[in-house]
PDB file of all heavy atoms in Angstrom:
ATOM      1  N   VAL A   1      69.655 -34.995 -75.370  1.00  0.00           N
ATOM      2  CA  VAL A   1      68.191 -34.994 -75.439  1.00  0.00           C
ATOM      3  C   VAL A   1      67.655 -33.567 -75.355  1.00  0.00           C
ATOM      4  O   VAL A   1      68.047 -32.797 -74.481  1.00  0.00           O
ATOM      5  CB  VAL A   1      67.575 -35.831 -74.293  1.00  0.00           C
ATOM      6  CG1 VAL A   1      66.052 -35.812 -74.359  1.00  0.00           C
ATOM      7  CG2 VAL A   1      68.101 -37.263 -74.319  1.00  0.00           C
ATOM      8  N   LEU A   2      66.757 -33.268 -76.269  1.00  0.00           N
ATOM      9  CA  LEU A   2      66.001 -32.024 -76.197  1.00  0.00           C
ATOM     10  C   LEU A   2      64.655 -32.366 -75.583  1.00  0.00           C
ATOM     11  O   LEU A   2      63.889 -33.151 -76.144  1.00  0.00           O
ATOM     12  CB  LEU A   2      65.794 -31.419 -77.589  1.00  0.00           C
ATOM     13  CG  LEU A   2      64.927 -30.170 -77.593  1.00  0.00           C
ATOM     14  CD1 LEU A   2      65.666 -29.001 -76.955  1.00  0.00           C
ATOM     15  CD2 LEU A   2      64.491 -29.821 -79.001  1.00  0.00           C
ATOM     16  N   ILE A   3      64.372 -31.812 -74.408  1.00  0.00           N
ATOM     17  CA  ILE A   3      63.056 -31.966 -73.796  1.00  0.00           C
ATOM     18  C   ILE A   3      62.234 -30.777 -74.291  1.00  0.00           C
ATOM     19  O   ILE A   3      62.586 -29.630 -74.047  1.00  0.00           O
ATOM     20  CB  ILE A   3      63.125 -31.964 -72.258  1.00  0.00           C
ATOM     21  CG1 ILE A   3      64.078 -33.050 -71.760  1.00  0.00           C
ATOM     22  CG2 ILE A   3      61.727 -32.146 -71.668  1.00  0.00           C
ATOM     23  CD1 ILE A   3      64.377 -32.963 -70.265  1.00  0.00           C
ATOM     24  N   ASP A   4      61.168 -31.078 -75.003  1.00  0.00           N
ATOM     25  CA  ASP A   4      60.343 -30.049 -75.639  1.00  0.00           C
ATOM     26  C   ASP A   4      58.958 -30.040 -75.015  1.00  0.00           C
ATOM     27  O   ASP A   4      58.171 -30.972 -75.213  1.00  0.00           O
ATOM     28  CB  ASP A   4      60.254 -30.336 -77.143  1.00  0.00           C
ATOM     29  CG  ASP A   4      59.382 -29.338 -77.878  1.00  0.00           C
ATOM     30  OD1 ASP A   4      59.418 -28.148 -77.519  1.00  0.00           O
ATOM     31  OD2 ASP A   4      58.676 -29.755 -78.824  1.00  0.00           O
ATOM     32  N   PHE A   5      58.650 -28.995 -74.241  1.00  0.00           N
ATOM     33  CA  PHE A   5      57.324 -28.824 -73.664  1.00  0.00           C
ATOM     34  C   PHE A   5      56.478 -28.025 -74.651  1.00  0.00           C
ATOM     35  O   PHE A   5      56.881 -26.938 -75.079  1.00  0.00           O
ATOM     36  CB  PHE A   5      57.410 -28.069 -72.331  1.00  0.00           C
ATOM     37  CG  PHE A   5      57.956 -28.891 -71.208  1.00  0.00           C
ATOM     38  CD1 PHE A   5      59.322 -28.939 -70.958  1.00  0.00           C
ATOM     39  CD2 PHE A   5      57.109 -29.616 -70.377  1.00  0.00           C
ATOM     40  CE1 PHE A   5      59.832 -29.695 -69.917  1.00  0.00           C
ATOM     41  CE2 PHE A   5      57.609 -30.380 -69.333  1.00  0.00           C
ATOM     42  CZ  PHE A   5      58.980 -30.418 -69.106  1.00  0.00           C
ATOM     43  N   TRP A   6      55.313 -28.554 -75.003  1.00  0.00           N
ATOM     44  CA  TRP A   6      54.449 -27.940 -76.007  1.00  0.00           C
ATOM     45  C   TRP A   6      53.023 -28.435 -75.800  1.00  0.00           C
ATOM     46  O   TRP A   6      52.759 -29.234 -74.899  1.00  0.00           O
ATOM     47  CB  TRP A   6      54.945 -28.311 -77.410  1.00  0.00           C
ATOM     48  CG  TRP A   6      54.658 -29.750 -77.778  1.00  0.00           C
ATOM     49  CD1 TRP A   6      55.251 -30.871 -77.256  1.00  0.00           C
ATOM     50  CD2 TRP A   6      53.679 -30.211 -78.695  1.00  0.00           C
ATOM     51  NE1 TRP A   6      54.705 -31.994 -77.806  1.00  0.00           N
ATOM     52  CE2 TRP A   6      53.732 -31.623 -78.702  1.00  0.00           C
ATOM     53  CE3 TRP A   6      52.765 -29.576 -79.526  1.00  0.00           C
ATOM     54  CZ2 TRP A   6      52.905 -32.401 -79.502  1.00  0.00           C
ATOM     55  CZ3 TRP A   6      51.948 -30.356 -80.323  1.00  0.00           C
ATOM     56  CH2 TRP A   6      52.024 -31.755 -80.306  1.00  0.00           C
ATOM     57  N   ALA A   7      52.102 -27.985 -76.649  1.00  0.00           N
ATOM     58  CA  ALA A   7      50.716 -28.480 -76.637  1.00  0.00           C
ATOM     59  C   ALA A   7      50.070 -28.219 -77.990  1.00  0.00           C
ATOM     60  O   ALA A   7      50.451 -27.288 -78.703  1.00  0.00           O
ATOM     61  CB  ALA A   7      49.902 -27.802 -75.541  1.00  0.00           C
ATOM     62  N   SER A   8      49.086 -29.028 -78.318  1.00  0.00           N
ATOM     63  CA  SER A   8      48.395 -28.891 -79.609  1.00  0.00           C
ATOM     64  C   SER A   8      47.659 -27.559 -79.723  1.00  0.00           C
ATOM     65  O   SER A   8      47.519 -27.015 -80.809  1.00  0.00           O
ATOM     66  CB  SER A   8      47.409 -30.048 -79.810  1.00  0.00           C
ATOM     67  OG  SER A   8      46.359 -29.971 -78.857  1.00  0.00           O
ATOM     68  N   TRP A   9      47.188 -27.005 -78.611  1.00  0.00           N
ATOM     69  CA  TRP A   9      46.407 -25.771 -78.599  1.00  0.00           C
ATOM     70  C   TRP A   9      47.281 -24.517 -78.560  1.00  0.00           C
ATOM     71  O   TRP A   9      46.772 -23.396 -78.612  1.00  0.00           O
ATOM     72  CB  TRP A   9      45.461 -25.756 -77.400  1.00  0.00           C
ATOM     73  CG  TRP A   9      46.112 -26.147 -76.104  1.00  0.00           C
ATOM     74  CD1 TRP A   9      46.078 -27.375 -75.507  1.00  0.00           C
ATOM     75  CD2 TRP A   9      46.920 -25.322 -75.267  1.00  0.00           C
ATOM     76  NE1 TRP A   9      46.808 -27.365 -74.345  1.00  0.00           N
ATOM     77  CE2 TRP A   9      47.346 -26.116 -74.168  1.00  0.00           C
ATOM     78  CE3 TRP A   9      47.339 -23.997 -75.318  1.00  0.00           C
ATOM     79  CZ2 TRP A   9      48.158 -25.632 -73.156  1.00  0.00           C
ATOM     80  CZ3 TRP A   9      48.153 -23.515 -74.303  1.00  0.00           C
ATOM     81  CH2 TRP A   9      48.549 -24.323 -73.240  1.00  0.00           C
ATOM     82  N   CYS A  10      48.590 -24.683 -78.484  1.00  0.00           N
ATOM     83  CA  CYS A  10      49.528 -23.564 -78.330  1.00  0.00           C
ATOM     84  C   CYS A  10      50.022 -23.096 -79.695  1.00  0.00           C
ATOM     85  O   CYS A  10      50.824 -23.782 -80.338  1.00  0.00           O
ATOM     86  CB  CYS A  10      50.697 -24.015 -77.449  1.00  0.00           C
ATOM     87  SG  CYS A  10      52.080 -22.880 -77.388  1.00  0.00           S
ATOM     88  N   GLY A  11      49.544 -21.924 -80.140  1.00  0.00           N
ATOM     89  CA  GLY A  11      49.951 -21.378 -81.432  1.00  0.00           C
ATOM     90  C   GLY A  11      51.458 -21.212 -81.576  1.00  0.00           C
ATOM     91  O   GLY A  11      52.040 -21.660 -82.565  1.00  0.00           O
ATOM     92  N   PRO A  12      52.146 -20.580 -80.597  1.00  0.00           N
ATOM     93  CA  PRO A  12      53.598 -20.446 -80.718  1.00  0.00           C
ATOM     94  C   PRO A  12      54.321 -21.802 -80.787  1.00  0.00           C
ATOM     95  O   PRO A  12      55.316 -21.937 -81.487  1.00  0.00           O
ATOM     96  CB  PRO A  12      53.994 -19.669 -79.456  1.00  0.00           C
ATOM     97  CG  PRO A  12      52.766 -18.888 -79.104  1.00  0.00           C
ATOM     98  CD  PRO A  12      51.620 -19.790 -79.475  1.00  0.00           C
ATOM     99  N   CYS A  13      53.798 -22.802 -80.074  1.00  0.00           N
ATOM    100  CA  CYS A  13      54.394 -24.144 -80.127  1.00  0.00           C
ATOM    101  C   CYS A  13      54.278 -24.722 -81.529  1.00  0.00           C
ATOM    102  O   CYS A  13      55.240 -25.270 -82.073  1.00  0.00           O
ATOM    103  CB  CYS A  13      53.691 -25.088 -79.155  1.00  0.00           C
ATOM    104  SG  CYS A  13      53.752 -24.598 -77.436  1.00  0.00           S
ATOM    105  N   ARG A  14      53.099 -24.598 -82.094  1.00  0.00           N
ATOM    106  CA  ARG A  14      52.842 -25.164 -83.415  1.00  0.00           C
ATOM    107  C   ARG A  14      53.696 -24.463 -84.472  1.00  0.00           C
ATOM    108  O   ARG A  14      54.165 -25.090 -85.418  1.00  0.00           O
ATOM    109  CB  ARG A  14      51.362 -25.091 -83.762  1.00  0.00           C
ATOM    110  CG  ARG A  14      50.430 -25.806 -82.769  1.00  0.00           C
ATOM    111  CD  ARG A  14      50.615 -27.312 -82.713  1.00  0.00           C
ATOM    112  NE  ARG A  14      50.260 -27.977 -83.939  1.00  0.00           N
ATOM    113  CZ  ARG A  14      49.040 -28.359 -84.292  1.00  0.00           C
ATOM    114  NH1 ARG A  14      48.018 -28.129 -83.488  1.00  0.00           N
ATOM    115  NH2 ARG A  14      48.840 -28.971 -85.429  1.00  0.00           N
ATOM    116  N   ARG A  15      53.912 -23.149 -84.297  1.00  0.00           N
ATOM    117  CA  ARG A  15      54.769 -22.411 -85.233  1.00  0.00           C
ATOM    118  C   ARG A  15      56.239 -22.785 -85.054  1.00  0.00           C
ATOM    119  O   ARG A  15      57.022 -22.704 -85.992  1.00  0.00           O
ATOM    120  CB  ARG A  15      54.571 -20.914 -85.069  1.00  0.00           C
ATOM    121  CG  ARG A  15      53.221 -20.435 -85.616  1.00  0.00           C
ATOM    122  CD  ARG A  15      53.101 -18.930 -85.655  1.00  0.00           C
ATOM    123  NE  ARG A  15      53.132 -18.289 -84.345  1.00  0.00           N
ATOM    124  CZ  ARG A  15      52.071 -18.148 -83.552  1.00  0.00           C
ATOM    125  NH1 ARG A  15      50.880 -18.602 -83.927  1.00  0.00           N
ATOM    126  NH2 ARG A  15      52.189 -17.537 -82.389  1.00  0.00           N
ATOM    127  N   GLU A  16      56.633 -23.187 -83.847  1.00  0.00           N
ATOM    128  CA  GLU A  16      58.017 -23.599 -83.584  1.00  0.00           C
ATOM    129  C   GLU A  16      58.271 -25.042 -84.008  1.00  0.00           C
ATOM    130  O   GLU A  16      59.417 -25.426 -84.279  1.00  0.00           O
ATOM    131  CB  GLU A  16      58.336 -23.432 -82.092  1.00  0.00           C
ATOM    132  CG  GLU A  16      59.762 -23.769 -81.693  1.00  0.00           C
ATOM    133  CD  GLU A  16      60.831 -22.865 -82.296  1.00  0.00           C
ATOM    134  OE1 GLU A  16      60.508 -21.781 -82.818  1.00  0.00           O
ATOM    135  OE2 GLU A  16      62.011 -23.255 -82.256  1.00  0.00           O
ATOM    136  N   ASN A  17      57.225 -25.861 -84.107  1.00  0.00           N
ATOM    137  CA  ASN A  17      57.413 -27.276 -84.452  1.00  0.00           C
ATOM    138  C   ASN A  17      58.206 -27.512 -85.728  1.00  0.00           C
ATOM    139  O   ASN A  17      59.032 -28.431 -85.760  1.00  0.00           O
ATOM    140  CB  ASN A  17      56.072 -28.012 -84.472  1.00  0.00           C
ATOM    141  CG  ASN A  17      55.635 -28.427 -83.084  1.00  0.00           C
ATOM    142  OD1 ASN A  17      56.437 -28.432 -82.139  1.00  0.00           O
ATOM    143  ND2 ASN A  17      54.374 -28.768 -82.943  1.00  0.00           N
ATOM    144  N   PRO A  18      58.034 -26.734 -86.803  1.00  0.00           N
ATOM    145  CA  PRO A  18      58.877 -26.964 -87.983  1.00  0.00           C
ATOM    146  C   PRO A  18      60.377 -26.810 -87.684  1.00  0.00           C
ATOM    147  O   PRO A  18      61.205 -27.537 -88.253  1.00  0.00           O
ATOM    148  CB  PRO A  18      58.403 -25.907 -88.984  1.00  0.00           C
ATOM    149  CG  PRO A  18      56.988 -25.636 -88.587  1.00  0.00           C
ATOM    150  CD  PRO A  18      56.975 -25.747 -87.079  1.00  0.00           C
ATOM    151  N   ASN A  19      60.737 -25.909 -86.772  1.00  0.00           N
ATOM    152  CA  ASN A  19      62.144 -25.756 -86.385  1.00  0.00           C
ATOM    153  C   ASN A  19      62.633 -26.959 -85.582  1.00  0.00           C
ATOM    154  O   ASN A  19      63.779 -27.384 -85.729  1.00  0.00           O
ATOM    155  CB  ASN A  19      62.349 -24.468 -85.587  1.00  0.00           C
ATOM    156  CG  ASN A  19      62.097 -23.248 -86.432  1.00  0.00           C
ATOM    157  OD1 ASN A  19      62.454 -23.206 -87.610  1.00  0.00           O
ATOM    158  ND2 ASN A  19      61.459 -22.252 -85.854  1.00  0.00           N
ATOM    159  N   ILE A  20      61.761 -27.493 -84.739  1.00  0.00           N
ATOM    160  CA  ILE A  20      62.112 -28.690 -83.973  1.00  0.00           C
ATOM    161  C   ILE A  20      62.321 -29.858 -84.941  1.00  0.00           C
ATOM    162  O   ILE A  20      63.273 -30.625 -84.803  1.00  0.00           O
ATOM    163  CB  ILE A  20      61.012 -29.025 -82.937  1.00  0.00           C
ATOM    164  CG1 ILE A  20      60.765 -27.858 -81.979  1.00  0.00           C
ATOM    165  CG2 ILE A  20      61.336 -30.303 -82.184  1.00  0.00           C
ATOM    166  CD1 ILE A  20      61.846 -27.565 -80.994  1.00  0.00           C
ATOM    167  N   VAL A  21      61.446 -29.983 -85.924  1.00  0.00           N
ATOM    168  CA  VAL A  21      61.574 -31.046 -86.928  1.00  0.00           C
ATOM    169  C   VAL A  21      62.889 -30.899 -87.693  1.00  0.00           C
ATOM    170  O   VAL A  21      63.618 -31.877 -87.897  1.00  0.00           O
ATOM    171  CB  VAL A  21      60.366 -31.057 -87.892  1.00  0.00           C
ATOM    172  CG1 VAL A  21      60.600 -31.998 -89.061  1.00  0.00           C
ATOM    173  CG2 VAL A  21      59.091 -31.441 -87.146  1.00  0.00           C
ATOM    174  N   LYS A  22      63.229 -29.674 -88.092  1.00  0.00           N
ATOM    175  CA  LYS A  22      64.499 -29.437 -88.805  1.00  0.00           C
ATOM    176  C   LYS A  22      65.692 -29.827 -87.950  1.00  0.00           C
ATOM    177  O   LYS A  22      66.645 -30.442 -88.430  1.00  0.00           O
ATOM    178  CB  LYS A  22      64.622 -27.965 -89.215  1.00  0.00           C
ATOM    179  CG  LYS A  22      63.775 -27.574 -90.381  1.00  0.00           C
ATOM    180  CD  LYS A  22      63.953 -26.084 -90.685  1.00  0.00           C
ATOM    181  CE  LYS A  22      62.884 -25.596 -91.620  1.00  0.00           C
ATOM    182  NZ  LYS A  22      62.951 -24.136 -91.822  1.00  0.00           N
ATOM    183  N   ALA A  23      65.658 -29.454 -86.675  1.00  0.00           N
ATOM    184  CA  ALA A  23      66.751 -29.805 -85.768  1.00  0.00           C
ATOM    185  C   ALA A  23      66.865 -31.320 -85.634  1.00  0.00           C
ATOM    186  O   ALA A  23      67.974 -31.868 -85.641  1.00  0.00           O
ATOM    187  CB  ALA A  23      66.533 -29.162 -84.399  1.00  0.00           C
ATOM    188  N   TYR A  24      65.730 -31.995 -85.529  1.00  0.00           N
ATOM    189  CA  TYR A  24      65.765 -33.456 -85.408  1.00  0.00           C
ATOM    190  C   TYR A  24      66.354 -34.087 -86.667  1.00  0.00           C
ATOM    191  O   TYR A  24      67.206 -34.975 -86.586  1.00  0.00           O
ATOM    192  CB  TYR A  24      64.369 -34.006 -85.134  1.00  0.00           C
ATOM    193  CG  TYR A  24      64.388 -35.490 -84.863  1.00  0.00           C
ATOM    194  CD1 TYR A  24      64.897 -35.974 -83.667  1.00  0.00           C
ATOM    195  CD2 TYR A  24      63.918 -36.398 -85.801  1.00  0.00           C
ATOM    196  CE1 TYR A  24      64.927 -37.334 -83.408  1.00  0.00           C
ATOM    197  CE2 TYR A  24      63.947 -37.763 -85.543  1.00  0.00           C
ATOM    198  CZ  TYR A  24      64.449 -38.228 -84.348  1.00  0.00           C
ATOM    199  OH  TYR A  24      64.499 -39.567 -84.094  1.00  0.00           O
ATOM    200  N   LYS A  25      65.916 -33.617 -87.824  1.00  0.00           N
ATOM    201  CA  LYS A  25      66.449 -34.149 -89.085  1.00  0.00           C
ATOM    202  C   LYS A  25      67.953 -33.929 -89.175  1.00  0.00           C
ATOM    203  O   LYS A  25      68.685 -34.807 -89.622  1.00  0.00           O
ATOM    204  CB  LYS A  25      65.762 -33.491 -90.283  1.00  0.00           C
ATOM    205  CG  LYS A  25      64.368 -33.982 -90.544  1.00  0.00           C
ATOM    206  CD  LYS A  25      63.758 -33.276 -91.747  1.00  0.00           C
ATOM    207  CE  LYS A  25      62.332 -33.742 -91.995  1.00  0.00           C
ATOM    208  NZ  LYS A  25      61.710 -33.008 -93.105  1.00  0.00           N
ATOM    209  N   LYS A  26      68.400 -32.768 -88.758  1.00  0.00           N
ATOM    210  CA  LYS A  26      69.815 -32.420 -88.876  1.00  0.00           C
ATOM    211  C   LYS A  26      70.692 -33.182 -87.888  1.00  0.00           C
ATOM    212  O   LYS A  26      71.788 -33.618 -88.238  1.00  0.00           O
ATOM    213  CB  LYS A  26      69.995 -30.916 -88.669  1.00  0.00           C
ATOM    214  CG  LYS A  26      71.411 -30.449 -88.874  1.00  0.00           C
ATOM    215  CD  LYS A  26      71.503 -28.940 -88.878  1.00  0.00           C
ATOM    216  CE  LYS A  26      72.915 -28.486 -89.195  1.00  0.00           C
ATOM    217  NZ  LYS A  26      73.002 -27.034 -89.288  1.00  0.00           N
ATOM    218  N   TYR A  27      70.235 -33.343 -86.644  1.00  0.00           N
ATOM    219  CA  TYR A  27      71.100 -33.886 -85.602  1.00  0.00           C
ATOM    220  C   TYR A  27      70.816 -35.323 -85.185  1.00  0.00           C
ATOM    221  O   TYR A  27      71.629 -35.931 -84.497  1.00  0.00           O
ATOM    222  CB  TYR A  27      71.063 -32.975 -84.371  1.00  0.00           C
ATOM    223  CG  TYR A  27      71.554 -31.587 -84.697  1.00  0.00           C
ATOM    224  CD1 TYR A  27      70.684 -30.506 -84.717  1.00  0.00           C
ATOM    225  CD2 TYR A  27      72.887 -31.369 -85.024  1.00  0.00           C
ATOM    226  CE1 TYR A  27      71.131 -29.239 -85.040  1.00  0.00           C
ATOM    227  CE2 TYR A  27      73.339 -30.107 -85.345  1.00  0.00           C
ATOM    228  CZ  TYR A  27      72.461 -29.043 -85.352  1.00  0.00           C
ATOM    229  OH  TYR A  27      72.905 -27.790 -85.676  1.00  0.00           O
ATOM    230  N   SER A  28      69.708 -35.907 -85.594  1.00  0.00           N
ATOM    231  CA  SER A  28      69.383 -37.261 -85.134  1.00  0.00           C
ATOM    232  C   SER A  28      70.370 -38.299 -85.653  1.00  0.00           C
ATOM    233  O   SER A  28      70.556 -39.338 -85.036  1.00  0.00           O
ATOM    234  CB  SER A  28      67.961 -37.648 -85.529  1.00  0.00           C
ATOM    235  OG  SER A  28      67.835 -37.725 -86.931  1.00  0.00           O
ATOM    236  N   LYS A  29      71.026 -38.014 -86.746  1.00  0.00           N
ATOM    237  CA  LYS A  29      72.007 -38.948 -87.299  1.00  0.00           C
ATOM    238  C   LYS A  29      73.446 -38.442 -87.127  1.00  0.00           C
ATOM    239  O   LYS A  29      74.383 -39.046 -87.624  1.00  0.00           O
ATOM    240  CB  LYS A  29      71.723 -39.168 -88.780  1.00  0.00           C
ATOM    241  CG  LYS A  29      70.312 -39.663 -89.057  1.00  0.00           C
ATOM    242  CD  LYS A  29      70.314 -41.024 -89.643  1.00  0.00           C
ATOM    243  CE  LYS A  29      68.969 -41.458 -90.122  1.00  0.00           C
ATOM    244  NZ  LYS A  29      68.038 -41.884 -89.153  1.00  0.00           N
ATOM    245  N   ALA A  30      73.622 -37.330 -86.407  1.00  0.00           N
ATOM    246  CA  ALA A  30      74.952 -36.765 -86.186  1.00  0.00           C
ATOM    247  C   ALA A  30      75.794 -37.718 -85.344  1.00  0.00           C
ATOM    248  O   ALA A  30      75.270 -38.469 -84.516  1.00  0.00           O
ATOM    249  CB  ALA A  30      74.842 -35.404 -85.510  1.00  0.00           C
ATOM    250  N   LYS A  31      77.090 -37.674 -85.556  1.00  0.00           N
ATOM    251  CA  LYS A  31      78.029 -38.492 -84.786  1.00  0.00           C
ATOM    252  C   LYS A  31      78.603 -37.648 -83.658  1.00  0.00           C
ATOM    253  O   LYS A  31      79.092 -36.557 -83.887  1.00  0.00           O
ATOM    254  CB  LYS A  31      79.164 -38.988 -85.681  1.00  0.00           C
ATOM    255  CG  LYS A  31      78.713 -39.817 -86.856  1.00  0.00           C
ATOM    256  CD  LYS A  31      78.122 -41.127 -86.418  1.00  0.00           C
ATOM    257  CE  LYS A  31      77.717 -41.949 -87.635  1.00  0.00           C
ATOM    258  NZ  LYS A  31      76.843 -43.018 -87.332  1.00  0.00           N
ATOM    259  N   PHE A  32      78.532 -38.168 -82.470  1.00  0.00           N
ATOM    260  CA  PHE A  32      79.049 -37.488 -81.290  1.00  0.00           C
ATOM    261  C   PHE A  32      80.097 -38.376 -80.633  1.00  0.00           C
ATOM    262  O   PHE A  32      79.925 -39.592 -80.564  1.00  0.00           O
ATOM    263  CB  PHE A  32      77.926 -37.234 -80.279  1.00  0.00           C
ATOM    264  CG  PHE A  32      76.818 -36.359 -80.796  1.00  0.00           C
ATOM    265  CD1 PHE A  32      75.733 -36.911 -81.467  1.00  0.00           C
ATOM    266  CD2 PHE A  32      76.853 -35.000 -80.601  1.00  0.00           C
ATOM    267  CE1 PHE A  32      74.704 -36.118 -81.932  1.00  0.00           C
ATOM    268  CE2 PHE A  32      75.821 -34.188 -81.060  1.00  0.00           C
ATOM    269  CZ  PHE A  32      74.754 -34.747 -81.732  1.00  0.00           C
TER     270      PHE A  32
END
């Protein structure tokens, strides 16, 4: 689990969200 602390008003958070989305797409179906 990735616990991601963020907020809608946080510019750096919003800029990082595309990377979080990419990580989720890449690893959510990974086999462990």
